[in-house]
Amino acid sequence: MAFTRKDRDGIGVLEISGTLSIQEATPLHKELVKCLDSCDGVLLDLTETEGCDTAGIQLLCSARKSFAKEGKSFAIEHTPDTIKDYIISAGLNPDVILTAS
């Protein structure tokens, strides 16, 4: 997994490519914490994201809760069907995880 960050009107935009997996979760987690500390919110662009595992889903859920707790926006766009399908197979509702807050 790789990601790039662009700041747009106080929002940290993270473009993520590759796979959201446990092996790559730490760098993304650190960047999300930086966004939480320095931005009004975050937007995750998953256009180039190929898949995820349970750790990737947990990271998305945790980030959503952390941003909401701080009163900051959290949004995900361009989610591939493979990720939506994985969320469903894990017994979760993709609308709850992927819908903007």
PDB file of N, CA and C in Angstrom:
ATOM      1  N   MET A   1       0.837  -1.169   0.000  1.00  0.00           N
ATOM      2  CA  MET A   1       0.000   0.000   0.000  1.00  0.00           C
ATOM      3  C   MET A   1       0.885   1.237   0.000  1.00  0.00           C
ATOM      4  N   ALA A   2       0.429   2.222  -0.707  1.00  0.00           N
ATOM      5  CA  ALA A   2       1.085   3.525  -0.711  1.00  0.00           C
ATOM      6  C   ALA A   2      -0.006   4.581  -0.614  1.00  0.00           C
ATOM      7  N   PHE A   3       0.371   5.759  -0.165  1.00  0.00           N
ATOM      8  CA  PHE A   3      -0.598   6.843  -0.135  1.00  0.00           C
ATOM      9  C   PHE A   3       0.112   8.167  -0.333  1.00  0.00           C
ATOM     10  N   THR A   4      -0.637   9.125  -0.832  1.00  0.00           N
ATOM     11  CA  THR A   4      -0.152  10.494  -0.944  1.00  0.00           C
ATOM     12  C   THR A   4      -1.148  11.382  -0.217  1.00  0.00           C
ATOM     13  N   ARG A   5      -0.639  12.463   0.346  1.00  0.00           N
ATOM     14  CA  ARG A   5      -1.501  13.401   1.059  1.00  0.00           C
ATOM     15  C   ARG A   5      -1.467  14.749   0.364  1.00  0.00           C
ATOM     16  N   LYS A   6      -2.654  15.284   0.195  1.00  0.00           N
ATOM     17  CA  LYS A   6      -2.823  16.643  -0.312  1.00  0.00           C
ATOM     18  C   LYS A   6      -3.763  17.339   0.660  1.00  0.00           C
ATOM     19  N   ASP A   7      -3.485  18.585   0.962  1.00  0.00           N
ATOM     20  CA  ASP A   7      -4.392  19.344   1.815  1.00  0.00           C
ATOM     21  C   ASP A   7      -5.250  20.242   0.941  1.00  0.00           C
ATOM     22  N   ARG A   8      -6.564  20.226   1.209  1.00  0.00           N
ATOM     23  CA  ARG A   8      -7.503  21.003   0.410  1.00  0.00           C
ATOM     24  C   ARG A   8      -8.515  21.657   1.343  1.00  0.00           C
ATOM     25  N   ASP A   9      -8.451  22.959   1.460  1.00  0.00           N
ATOM     26  CA  ASP A   9      -9.399  23.721   2.279  1.00  0.00           C
ATOM     27  C   ASP A   9      -9.509  23.175   3.702  1.00  0.00           C
ATOM     28  N   GLY A  10      -8.381  22.865   4.303  1.00  0.00           N
ATOM     29  CA  GLY A  10      -8.355  22.383   5.682  1.00  0.00           C
ATOM     30  C   GLY A  10      -8.629  20.896   5.852  1.00  0.00           C
ATOM     31  N   ILE A  11      -8.845  20.200   4.741  1.00  0.00           N
ATOM     32  CA  ILE A  11      -9.113  18.764   4.771  1.00  0.00           C
ATOM     33  C   ILE A  11      -7.884  18.017   4.255  1.00  0.00           C
ATOM     34  N   GLY A  12      -7.464  16.994   4.973  1.00  0.00           N
ATOM     35  CA  GLY A  12      -6.375  16.143   4.504  1.00  0.00           C
ATOM     36  C   GLY A  12      -6.941  15.110   3.544  1.00  0.00           C
ATOM     37  N   VAL A  13      -6.493  15.129   2.302  1.00  0.00           N
ATOM     38  CA  VAL A  13      -6.957  14.174   1.296  1.00  0.00           C
ATOM     39  C   VAL A  13      -5.875  13.118   1.124  1.00  0.00           C
ATOM     40  N   LEU A  14      -6.209  11.874   1.459  1.00  0.00           N
ATOM     41  CA  LEU A  14      -5.263  10.772   1.336  1.00  0.00           C
ATOM     42  C   LEU A  14      -5.695   9.880   0.182  1.00  0.00           C
ATOM     43  N   GLU A  15      -4.860   9.809  -0.842  1.00  0.00           N
ATOM     44  CA  GLU A  15      -5.113   8.924  -1.974  1.00  0.00           C
ATOM     45  C   GLU A  15      -4.356   7.630  -1.709  1.00  0.00           C
ATOM     46  N   ILE A  16      -5.100   6.548  -1.548  1.00  0.00           N
ATOM     47  CA  ILE A  16      -4.515   5.273  -1.133  1.00  0.00           C
ATOM     48  C   ILE A  16      -4.512   4.299  -2.302  1.00  0.00           C
ATOM     49  N   SER A  17      -3.367   3.661  -2.508  1.00  0.00           N
ATOM     50  CA  SER A  17      -3.270   2.642  -3.553  1.00  0.00           C
ATOM     51  C   SER A  17      -2.729   1.352  -2.938  1.00  0.00           C
ATOM     52  N   GLY A  18      -3.057   0.239  -3.583  1.00  0.00           N
ATOM     53  CA  GLY A  18      -2.599  -1.052  -3.077  1.00  0.00           C
ATOM     54  C   GLY A  18      -3.640  -1.687  -2.188  1.00  0.00           C
ATOM     55  N   THR A  19      -3.183  -2.381  -1.154  1.00  0.00           N
ATOM     56  CA  THR A  19      -4.068  -3.126  -0.271  1.00  0.00           C
ATOM     57  C   THR A  19      -4.003  -2.583   1.146  1.00  0.00           C
ATOM     58  N   LEU A  20      -5.160  -2.323   1.738  1.00  0.00           N
ATOM     59  CA  LEU A  20      -5.248  -1.929   3.147  1.00  0.00           C
ATOM     60  C   LEU A  20      -5.129  -3.206   3.974  1.00  0.00           C
ATOM     61  N   SER A  21      -3.935  -3.479   4.451  1.00  0.00           N
ATOM     62  CA  SER A  21      -3.729  -4.721   5.198  1.00  0.00           C
ATOM     63  C   SER A  21      -2.921  -4.468   6.451  1.00  0.00           C
ATOM     64  N   ILE A  22      -2.851  -5.470   7.284  1.00  0.00           N
ATOM     65  CA  ILE A  22      -2.138  -5.346   8.552  1.00  0.00           C
ATOM     66  C   ILE A  22      -0.665  -4.993   8.333  1.00  0.00           C
ATOM     67  N   GLN A  23      -0.087  -5.478   7.242  1.00  0.00           N
ATOM     68  CA  GLN A  23       1.320  -5.195   6.976  1.00  0.00           C
ATOM     69  C   GLN A  23       1.562  -3.706   6.708  1.00  0.00           C
ATOM     70  N   GLU A  24       0.566  -3.013   6.197  1.00  0.00           N
ATOM     71  CA  GLU A  24       0.748  -1.606   5.850  1.00  0.00           C
ATOM     72  C   GLU A  24      -0.081  -0.657   6.706  1.00  0.00           C
ATOM     73  N   ALA A  25      -0.728  -1.136   7.725  1.00  0.00           N
ATOM     74  CA  ALA A  25      -1.633  -0.303   8.517  1.00  0.00           C
ATOM     75  C   ALA A  25      -0.909   0.784   9.313  1.00  0.00           C
ATOM     76  N   THR A  26       0.274   0.523   9.803  1.00  0.00           N
ATOM     77  CA  THR A  26       0.963   1.469  10.686  1.00  0.00           C
ATOM     78  C   THR A  26       1.256   2.814  10.009  1.00  0.00           C
ATOM     79  N   PRO A  27       1.829   2.852   8.794  1.00  0.00           N
ATOM     80  CA  PRO A  27       2.078   4.163   8.187  1.00  0.00           C
ATOM     81  C   PRO A  27       0.791   4.961   7.941  1.00  0.00           C
ATOM     82  N   LEU A  28      -0.259   4.281   7.513  1.00  0.00           N
ATOM     83  CA  LEU A  28      -1.524   4.984   7.283  1.00  0.00           C
ATOM     84  C   LEU A  28      -2.102   5.477   8.602  1.00  0.00           C
ATOM     85  N   HIS A  29      -2.025   4.672   9.645  1.00  0.00           N
ATOM     86  CA  HIS A  29      -2.503   5.095  10.962  1.00  0.00           C
ATOM     87  C   HIS A  29      -1.775   6.360  11.407  1.00  0.00           C
ATOM     88  N   LYS A  30      -0.468   6.393  11.248  1.00  0.00           N
ATOM     89  CA  LYS A  30       0.313   7.574  11.641  1.00  0.00           C
ATOM     90  C   LYS A  30      -0.121   8.808  10.855  1.00  0.00           C
ATOM     91  N   GLU A  31      -0.387   8.652   9.573  1.00  0.00           N
ATOM     92  CA  GLU A  31      -0.816   9.787   8.750  1.00  0.00           C
ATOM     93  C   GLU A  31      -2.218  10.248   9.152  1.00  0.00           C
ATOM     94  N   LEU A  32      -3.095   9.315   9.484  1.00  0.00           N
ATOM     95  CA  LEU A  32      -4.429   9.689   9.948  1.00  0.00           C
ATOM     96  C   LEU A  32      -4.358  10.465  11.261  1.00  0.00           C
ATOM     97  N   VAL A  33      -3.461  10.075  12.151  1.00  0.00           N
ATOM     98  CA  VAL A  33      -3.274  10.812  13.406  1.00  0.00           C
ATOM     99  C   VAL A  33      -2.781  12.227  13.113  1.00  0.00           C
ATOM    100  N   LYS A  34      -1.855  12.369  12.169  1.00  0.00           N
ATOM    101  CA  LYS A  34      -1.389  13.711  11.778  1.00  0.00           C
ATOM    102  C   LYS A  34      -2.547  14.555  11.252  1.00  0.00           C
ATOM    103  N   CYS A  35      -3.392  13.958  10.428  1.00  0.00           N
ATOM    104  CA  CYS A  35      -4.555  14.681   9.904  1.00  0.00           C
ATOM    105  C   CYS A  35      -5.505  15.063  11.032  1.00  0.00           C
ATOM    106  N   LEU A  36      -5.704  14.166  11.965  1.00  0.00           N
ATOM    107  CA  LEU A  36      -6.590  14.439  13.096  1.00  0.00           C
ATOM    108  C   LEU A  36      -6.079  15.634  13.893  1.00  0.00           C
ATOM    109  N   ASP A  37      -4.762  15.718  14.041  1.00  0.00           N
ATOM    110  CA  ASP A  37      -4.153  16.801  14.816  1.00  0.00           C
ATOM    111  C   ASP A  37      -4.090  18.129  14.061  1.00  0.00           C
ATOM    112  N   SER A  38      -4.007  18.083  12.718  1.00  0.00           N
ATOM    113  CA  SER A  38      -3.718  19.311  11.977  1.00  0.00           C
ATOM    114  C   SER A  38      -4.779  19.733  10.964  1.00  0.00           C
ATOM    115  N   CYS A  39      -5.824  18.946  10.787  1.00  0.00           N
ATOM    116  CA  CYS A  39      -6.820  19.249   9.760  1.00  0.00           C
ATOM    117  C   CYS A  39      -8.223  19.322  10.364  1.00  0.00           C
ATOM    118  N   ASP A  40      -9.140  19.886   9.592  1.00  0.00           N
ATOM    119  CA  ASP A  40     -10.548  19.931  10.002  1.00  0.00           C
ATOM    120  C   ASP A  40     -11.262  18.619   9.710  1.00  0.00           C
ATOM    121  N   GLY A  41     -10.610  17.754   8.949  1.00  0.00           N
ATOM    122  CA  GLY A  41     -11.190  16.469   8.599  1.00  0.00           C
ATOM    123  C   GLY A  41     -10.286  15.736   7.635  1.00  0.00           C
ATOM    124  N   VAL A  42     -10.775  14.594   7.173  1.00  0.00           N
ATOM    125  CA  VAL A  42      -9.988  13.793   6.241  1.00  0.00           C
ATOM    126  C   VAL A  42     -10.918  13.206   5.184  1.00  0.00           C
ATOM    127  N   LEU A  43     -10.379  13.060   3.993  1.00  0.00           N
ATOM    128  CA  LEU A  43     -11.066  12.394   2.893  1.00  0.00           C
ATOM    129  C   LEU A  43     -10.137  11.312   2.376  1.00  0.00           C
ATOM    130  N   LEU A  44     -10.606  10.064   2.401  1.00  0.00           N
ATOM    131  CA  LEU A  44      -9.825   8.947   1.883  1.00  0.00           C
ATOM    132  C   LEU A  44     -10.327   8.627   0.485  1.00  0.00           C
ATOM    133  N   ASP A  45      -9.446   8.730  -0.489  1.00  0.00           N
ATOM    134  CA  ASP A  45      -9.780   8.391  -1.876  1.00  0.00           C
ATOM    135  C   ASP A  45      -9.250   6.986  -2.136  1.00  0.00           C
ATOM    136  N   LEU A  46     -10.165   6.032  -2.312  1.00  0.00           N
ATOM    137  CA  LEU A  46      -9.788   4.634  -2.480  1.00  0.00           C
ATOM    138  C   LEU A  46      -9.813   4.185  -3.943  1.00  0.00           C
ATOM    139  N   THR A  47      -9.760   5.124  -4.859  1.00  0.00           N
ATOM    140  CA  THR A  47      -9.820   4.797  -6.288  1.00  0.00           C
ATOM    141  C   THR A  47      -8.827   3.707  -6.669  1.00  0.00           C
ATOM    142  N   GLU A  48      -7.617   3.795  -6.179  1.00  0.00           N
ATOM    143  CA  GLU A  48      -6.545   2.865  -6.550  1.00  0.00           C
ATOM    144  C   GLU A  48      -6.325   1.761  -5.519  1.00  0.00           C
ATOM    145  N   THR A  49      -7.239   1.629  -4.569  1.00  0.00           N
ATOM    146  CA  THR A  49      -7.116   0.593  -3.547  1.00  0.00           C
ATOM    147  C   THR A  49      -7.661  -0.713  -4.095  1.00  0.00           C
ATOM    148  N   GLU A  50      -6.872  -1.759  -3.978  1.00  0.00           N
ATOM    149  CA  GLU A  50      -7.210  -3.041  -4.597  1.00  0.00           C
ATOM    150  C   GLU A  50      -7.927  -4.000  -3.662  1.00  0.00           C
ATOM    151  N   GLY A  51      -7.764  -3.844  -2.375  1.00  0.00           N
ATOM    152  CA  GLY A  51      -8.390  -4.761  -1.433  1.00  0.00           C
ATOM    153  C   GLY A  51      -8.059  -4.372  -0.013  1.00  0.00           C
ATOM    154  N   CYS A  52      -8.513  -5.208   0.922  1.00  0.00           N
ATOM    155  CA  CYS A  52      -8.250  -4.947   2.331  1.00  0.00           C
ATOM    156  C   CYS A  52      -8.372  -6.245   3.111  1.00  0.00           C
ATOM    157  N   ASP A  53      -7.957  -6.184   4.345  1.00  0.00           N
ATOM    158  CA  ASP A  53      -8.176  -7.293   5.263  1.00  0.00           C
ATOM    159  C   ASP A  53      -8.887  -6.739   6.490  1.00  0.00           C
ATOM    160  N   THR A  54      -9.045  -7.557   7.502  1.00  0.00           N
ATOM    161  CA  THR A  54      -9.767  -7.145   8.697  1.00  0.00           C
ATOM    162  C   THR A  54      -9.089  -5.961   9.383  1.00  0.00           C
ATOM    163  N   ALA A  55      -7.764  -5.924   9.377  1.00  0.00           N
ATOM    164  CA  ALA A  55      -7.045  -4.800   9.989  1.00  0.00           C
ATOM    165  C   ALA A  55      -7.338  -3.503   9.245  1.00  0.00           C
ATOM    166  N   GLY A  56      -7.458  -3.574   7.928  1.00  0.00           N
ATOM    167  CA  GLY A  56      -7.796  -2.387   7.143  1.00  0.00           C
ATOM    168  C   GLY A  56      -9.176  -1.862   7.485  1.00  0.00           C
ATOM    169  N   ILE A  57     -10.141  -2.772   7.625  1.00  0.00           N
ATOM    170  CA  ILE A  57     -11.487  -2.371   8.013  1.00  0.00           C
ATOM    171  C   ILE A  57     -11.476  -1.764   9.409  1.00  0.00           C
ATOM    172  N   GLN A  58     -10.745  -2.390  10.326  1.00  0.00           N
ATOM    173  CA  GLN A  58     -10.665  -1.880  11.702  1.00  0.00           C
ATOM    174  C   GLN A  58     -10.070  -0.480  11.711  1.00  0.00           C
ATOM    175  N   LEU A  59      -9.068  -0.234  10.884  1.00  0.00           N
ATOM    176  CA  LEU A  59      -8.449   1.084  10.813  1.00  0.00           C
ATOM    177  C   LEU A  59      -9.456   2.124  10.324  1.00  0.00           C
ATOM    178  N   LEU A  60     -10.249   1.776   9.320  1.00  0.00           N
ATOM    179  CA  LEU A  60     -11.272   2.703   8.827  1.00  0.00           C
ATOM    180  C   LEU A  60     -12.302   3.005   9.916  1.00  0.00           C
ATOM    181  N   CYS A  61     -12.758   1.972  10.613  1.00  0.00           N
ATOM    182  CA  CYS A  61     -13.741   2.160  11.690  1.00  0.00           C
ATOM    183  C   CYS A  61     -13.183   3.014  12.820  1.00  0.00           C
ATOM    184  N   SER A  62     -11.971   2.728  13.217  1.00  0.00           N
ATOM    185  CA  SER A  62     -11.321   3.469  14.299  1.00  0.00           C
ATOM    186  C   SER A  62     -11.114   4.933  13.917  1.00  0.00           C
ATOM    187  N   ALA A  63     -10.672   5.161  12.688  1.00  0.00           N
ATOM    188  CA  ALA A  63     -10.460   6.540  12.228  1.00  0.00           C
ATOM    189  C   ALA A  63     -11.781   7.304  12.216  1.00  0.00           C
ATOM    190  N   ARG A  64     -12.832   6.672  11.713  1.00  0.00           N
ATOM    191  CA  ARG A  64     -14.156   7.313  11.694  1.00  0.00           C
ATOM    192  C   ARG A  64     -14.553   7.750  13.100  1.00  0.00           C
ATOM    193  N   LYS A  65     -14.396   6.868  14.081  1.00  0.00           N
ATOM    194  CA  LYS A  65     -14.770   7.180  15.458  1.00  0.00           C
ATOM    195  C   LYS A  65     -13.902   8.296  16.038  1.00  0.00           C
ATOM    196  N   SER A  66     -12.609   8.256  15.752  1.00  0.00           N
ATOM    197  CA  SER A  66     -11.695   9.278  16.283  1.00  0.00           C
ATOM    198  C   SER A  66     -12.014  10.657  15.723  1.00  0.00           C
ATOM    199  N   PHE A  67     -12.276  10.735  14.423  1.00  0.00           N
ATOM    200  CA  PHE A  67     -12.605  12.031  13.822  1.00  0.00           C
ATOM    201  C   PHE A  67     -13.947  12.538  14.352  1.00  0.00           C
ATOM    202  N   ALA A  68     -14.929  11.653  14.487  1.00  0.00           N
ATOM    203  CA  ALA A  68     -16.239  12.056  15.015  1.00  0.00           C
ATOM    204  C   ALA A  68     -16.111  12.567  16.445  1.00  0.00           C
ATOM    205  N   LYS A  69     -15.307  11.894  17.240  1.00  0.00           N
ATOM    206  CA  LYS A  69     -15.108  12.295  18.640  1.00  0.00           C
ATOM    207  C   LYS A  69     -14.558  13.713  18.734  1.00  0.00           C
ATOM    208  N   GLU A  70     -13.714  14.082  17.773  1.00  0.00           N
ATOM    209  CA  GLU A  70     -13.110  15.416  17.751  1.00  0.00           C
ATOM    210  C   GLU A  70     -13.968  16.432  16.987  1.00  0.00           C
ATOM    211  N   GLY A  71     -15.129  15.992  16.492  1.00  0.00           N
ATOM    212  CA  GLY A  71     -16.015  16.891  15.755  1.00  0.00           C
ATOM    213  C   GLY A  71     -15.490  17.244  14.378  1.00  0.00           C
ATOM    214  N   LYS A  72     -14.696  16.349  13.801  1.00  0.00           N
ATOM    215  CA  LYS A  72     -14.094  16.595  12.492  1.00  0.00           C
ATOM    216  C   LYS A  72     -14.712  15.666  11.450  1.00  0.00           C
ATOM    217  N   SER A  73     -14.669  16.108  10.204  1.00  0.00           N
ATOM    218  CA  SER A  73     -15.290  15.316   9.142  1.00  0.00           C
ATOM    219  C   SER A  73     -14.413  14.125   8.752  1.00  0.00           C
ATOM    220  N   PHE A  74     -15.088  13.093   8.305  1.00  0.00           N
ATOM    221  CA  PHE A  74     -14.422  11.882   7.835  1.00  0.00           C
ATOM    222  C   PHE A  74     -15.229  11.368   6.658  1.00  0.00           C
ATOM    223  N   ALA A  75     -14.568  11.214   5.513  1.00  0.00           N
ATOM    224  CA  ALA A  75     -15.271  10.742   4.324  1.00  0.00           C
ATOM    225  C   ALA A  75     -14.376   9.789   3.540  1.00  0.00           C
ATOM    226  N   ILE A  76     -15.037   8.874   2.857  1.00  0.00           N
ATOM    227  CA  ILE A  76     -14.358   7.924   1.982  1.00  0.00           C
ATOM    228  C   ILE A  76     -15.037   8.009   0.630  1.00  0.00           C
ATOM    229  N   GLU A  77     -14.239   8.084  -0.438  1.00  0.00           N
ATOM    230  CA  GLU A  77     -14.841   8.118  -1.772  1.00  0.00           C
ATOM    231  C   GLU A  77     -14.169   7.116  -2.692  1.00  0.00           C
ATOM    232  N   HIS A  78     -14.907   6.745  -3.712  1.00  0.00           N
ATOM    233  CA  HIS A  78     -14.430   5.833  -4.762  1.00  0.00           C
ATOM    234  C   HIS A  78     -14.016   4.471  -4.196  1.00  0.00           C
ATOM    235  N   THR A  79     -14.874   3.901  -3.372  1.00  0.00           N
ATOM    236  CA  THR A  79     -14.577   2.602  -2.772  1.00  0.00           C
ATOM    237  C   THR A  79     -14.821   1.488  -3.788  1.00  0.00           C
ATOM    238  N   PRO A  80     -13.807   0.690  -4.082  1.00  0.00           N
ATOM    239  CA  PRO A  80     -13.991  -0.424  -5.017  1.00  0.00           C
ATOM    240  C   PRO A  80     -14.955  -1.478  -4.455  1.00  0.00           C
ATOM    241  N   ASP A  81     -15.626  -2.173  -5.345  1.00  0.00           N
ATOM    242  CA  ASP A  81     -16.563  -3.223  -4.930  1.00  0.00           C
ATOM    243  C   ASP A  81     -15.872  -4.315  -4.129  1.00  0.00           C
ATOM    244  N   THR A  82     -14.594  -4.576  -4.412  1.00  0.00           N
ATOM    245  CA  THR A  82     -13.892  -5.624  -3.662  1.00  0.00           C
ATOM    246  C   THR A  82     -13.841  -5.299  -2.172  1.00  0.00           C
ATOM    247  N   ILE A  83     -13.679  -4.032  -1.837  1.00  0.00           N
ATOM    248  CA  ILE A  83     -13.636  -3.643  -0.426  1.00  0.00           C
ATOM    249  C   ILE A  83     -15.040  -3.717   0.181  1.00  0.00           C
ATOM    250  N   LYS A  84     -16.028  -3.246  -0.549  1.00  0.00           N
ATOM    251  CA  LYS A  84     -17.415  -3.351  -0.062  1.00  0.00           C
ATOM    252  C   LYS A  84     -17.772  -4.816   0.184  1.00  0.00           C
ATOM    253  N   ASP A  85     -17.404  -5.685  -0.744  1.00  0.00           N
ATOM    254  CA  ASP A  85     -17.696  -7.114  -0.599  1.00  0.00           C
ATOM    255  C   ASP A  85     -16.994  -7.701   0.623  1.00  0.00           C
ATOM    256  N   TYR A  86     -15.757  -7.276   0.874  1.00  0.00           N
ATOM    257  CA  TYR A  86     -15.025  -7.786   2.036  1.00  0.00           C
ATOM    258  C   TYR A  86     -15.694  -7.339   3.333  1.00  0.00           C
ATOM    259  N   ILE A  87     -16.147  -6.101   3.370  1.00  0.00           N
ATOM    260  CA  ILE A  87     -16.834  -5.592   4.557  1.00  0.00           C
ATOM    261  C   ILE A  87     -18.093  -6.414   4.826  1.00  0.00           C
ATOM    262  N   ILE A  88     -18.835  -6.716   3.761  1.00  0.00           N
ATOM    263  CA  ILE A  88     -20.046  -7.530   3.904  1.00  0.00           C
ATOM    264  C   ILE A  88     -19.695  -8.933   4.384  1.00  0.00           C
ATOM    265  N   SER A  89     -18.651  -9.520   3.807  1.00  0.00           N
ATOM    266  CA  SER A  89     -18.263 -10.878   4.205  1.00  0.00           C
ATOM    267  C   SER A  89     -17.782 -10.936   5.657  1.00  0.00           C
ATOM    268  N   ALA A  90     -17.345  -9.796   6.187  1.00  0.00           N
ATOM    269  CA  ALA A  90     -16.941  -9.729   7.594  1.00  0.00           C
ATOM    270  C   ALA A  90     -18.151  -9.532   8.511  1.00  0.00           C
ATOM    271  N   GLY A  91     -19.351  -9.450   7.917  1.00  0.00           N
ATOM    272  CA  GLY A  91     -20.565  -9.313   8.706  1.00  0.00           C
ATOM    273  C   GLY A  91     -20.893  -7.886   9.100  1.00  0.00           C
ATOM    274  N   LEU A  92     -20.302  -6.925   8.379  1.00  0.00           N
ATOM    275  CA  LEU A  92     -20.518  -5.512   8.699  1.00  0.00           C
ATOM    276  C   LEU A  92     -21.314  -4.836   7.588  1.00  0.00           C
ATOM    277  N   ASN A  93     -21.861  -3.687   7.901  1.00  0.00           N
ATOM    278  CA  ASN A  93     -22.631  -2.917   6.943  1.00  0.00           C
ATOM    279  C   ASN A  93     -21.717  -1.881   6.280  1.00  0.00           C
ATOM    280  N   PRO A  94     -21.465  -2.005   4.977  1.00  0.00           N
ATOM    281  CA  PRO A  94     -20.567  -1.056   4.323  1.00  0.00           C
ATOM    282  C   PRO A  94     -21.085   0.379   4.366  1.00  0.00           C
ATOM    283  N   ASP A  95     -22.412   0.570   4.408  1.00  0.00           N
ATOM    284  CA  ASP A  95     -22.945   1.933   4.463  1.00  0.00           C
ATOM    285  C   ASP A  95     -22.538   2.639   5.754  1.00  0.00           C
ATOM    286  N   VAL A  96     -22.469   1.897   6.844  1.00  0.00           N
ATOM    287  CA  VAL A  96     -22.093   2.488   8.137  1.00  0.00           C
ATOM    288  C   VAL A  96     -20.615   2.870   8.122  1.00  0.00           C
ATOM    289  N   ILE A  97     -19.791   2.036   7.533  1.00  0.00           N
ATOM    290  CA  ILE A  97     -18.350   2.266   7.533  1.00  0.00           C
ATOM    291  C   ILE A  97     -17.941   3.294   6.488  1.00  0.00           C
ATOM    292  N   LEU A  98     -18.574   3.287   5.329  1.00  0.00           N
ATOM    293  CA  LEU A  98     -18.106   4.073   4.192  1.00  0.00           C
ATOM    294  C   LEU A  98     -18.846   5.402   3.993  1.00  0.00           C
ATOM    295  N   THR A  99     -19.925   5.637   4.714  1.00  0.00           N
ATOM    296  CA  THR A  99     -20.695   6.863   4.542  1.00  0.00           C
ATOM    297  C   THR A  99     -20.036   8.000   5.311  1.00  0.00           C
ATOM    298  N   ALA A 100     -20.015   9.173   4.697  1.00  0.00           N
ATOM    299  CA  ALA A 100     -19.371  10.346   5.302  1.00  0.00           C
ATOM    300  C   ALA A 100     -20.017  10.718   6.622  1.00  0.00           C
ATOM    301  N   SER A 101     -19.174  11.227   7.509  1.00  0.00           N
ATOM    302  CA  SER A 101     -19.690  11.733   8.788  1.00  0.00           C
ATOM    303  C   SER A 101     -19.254  13.168   8.995  1.00  0.00           C
TER     304      SER A 101
END
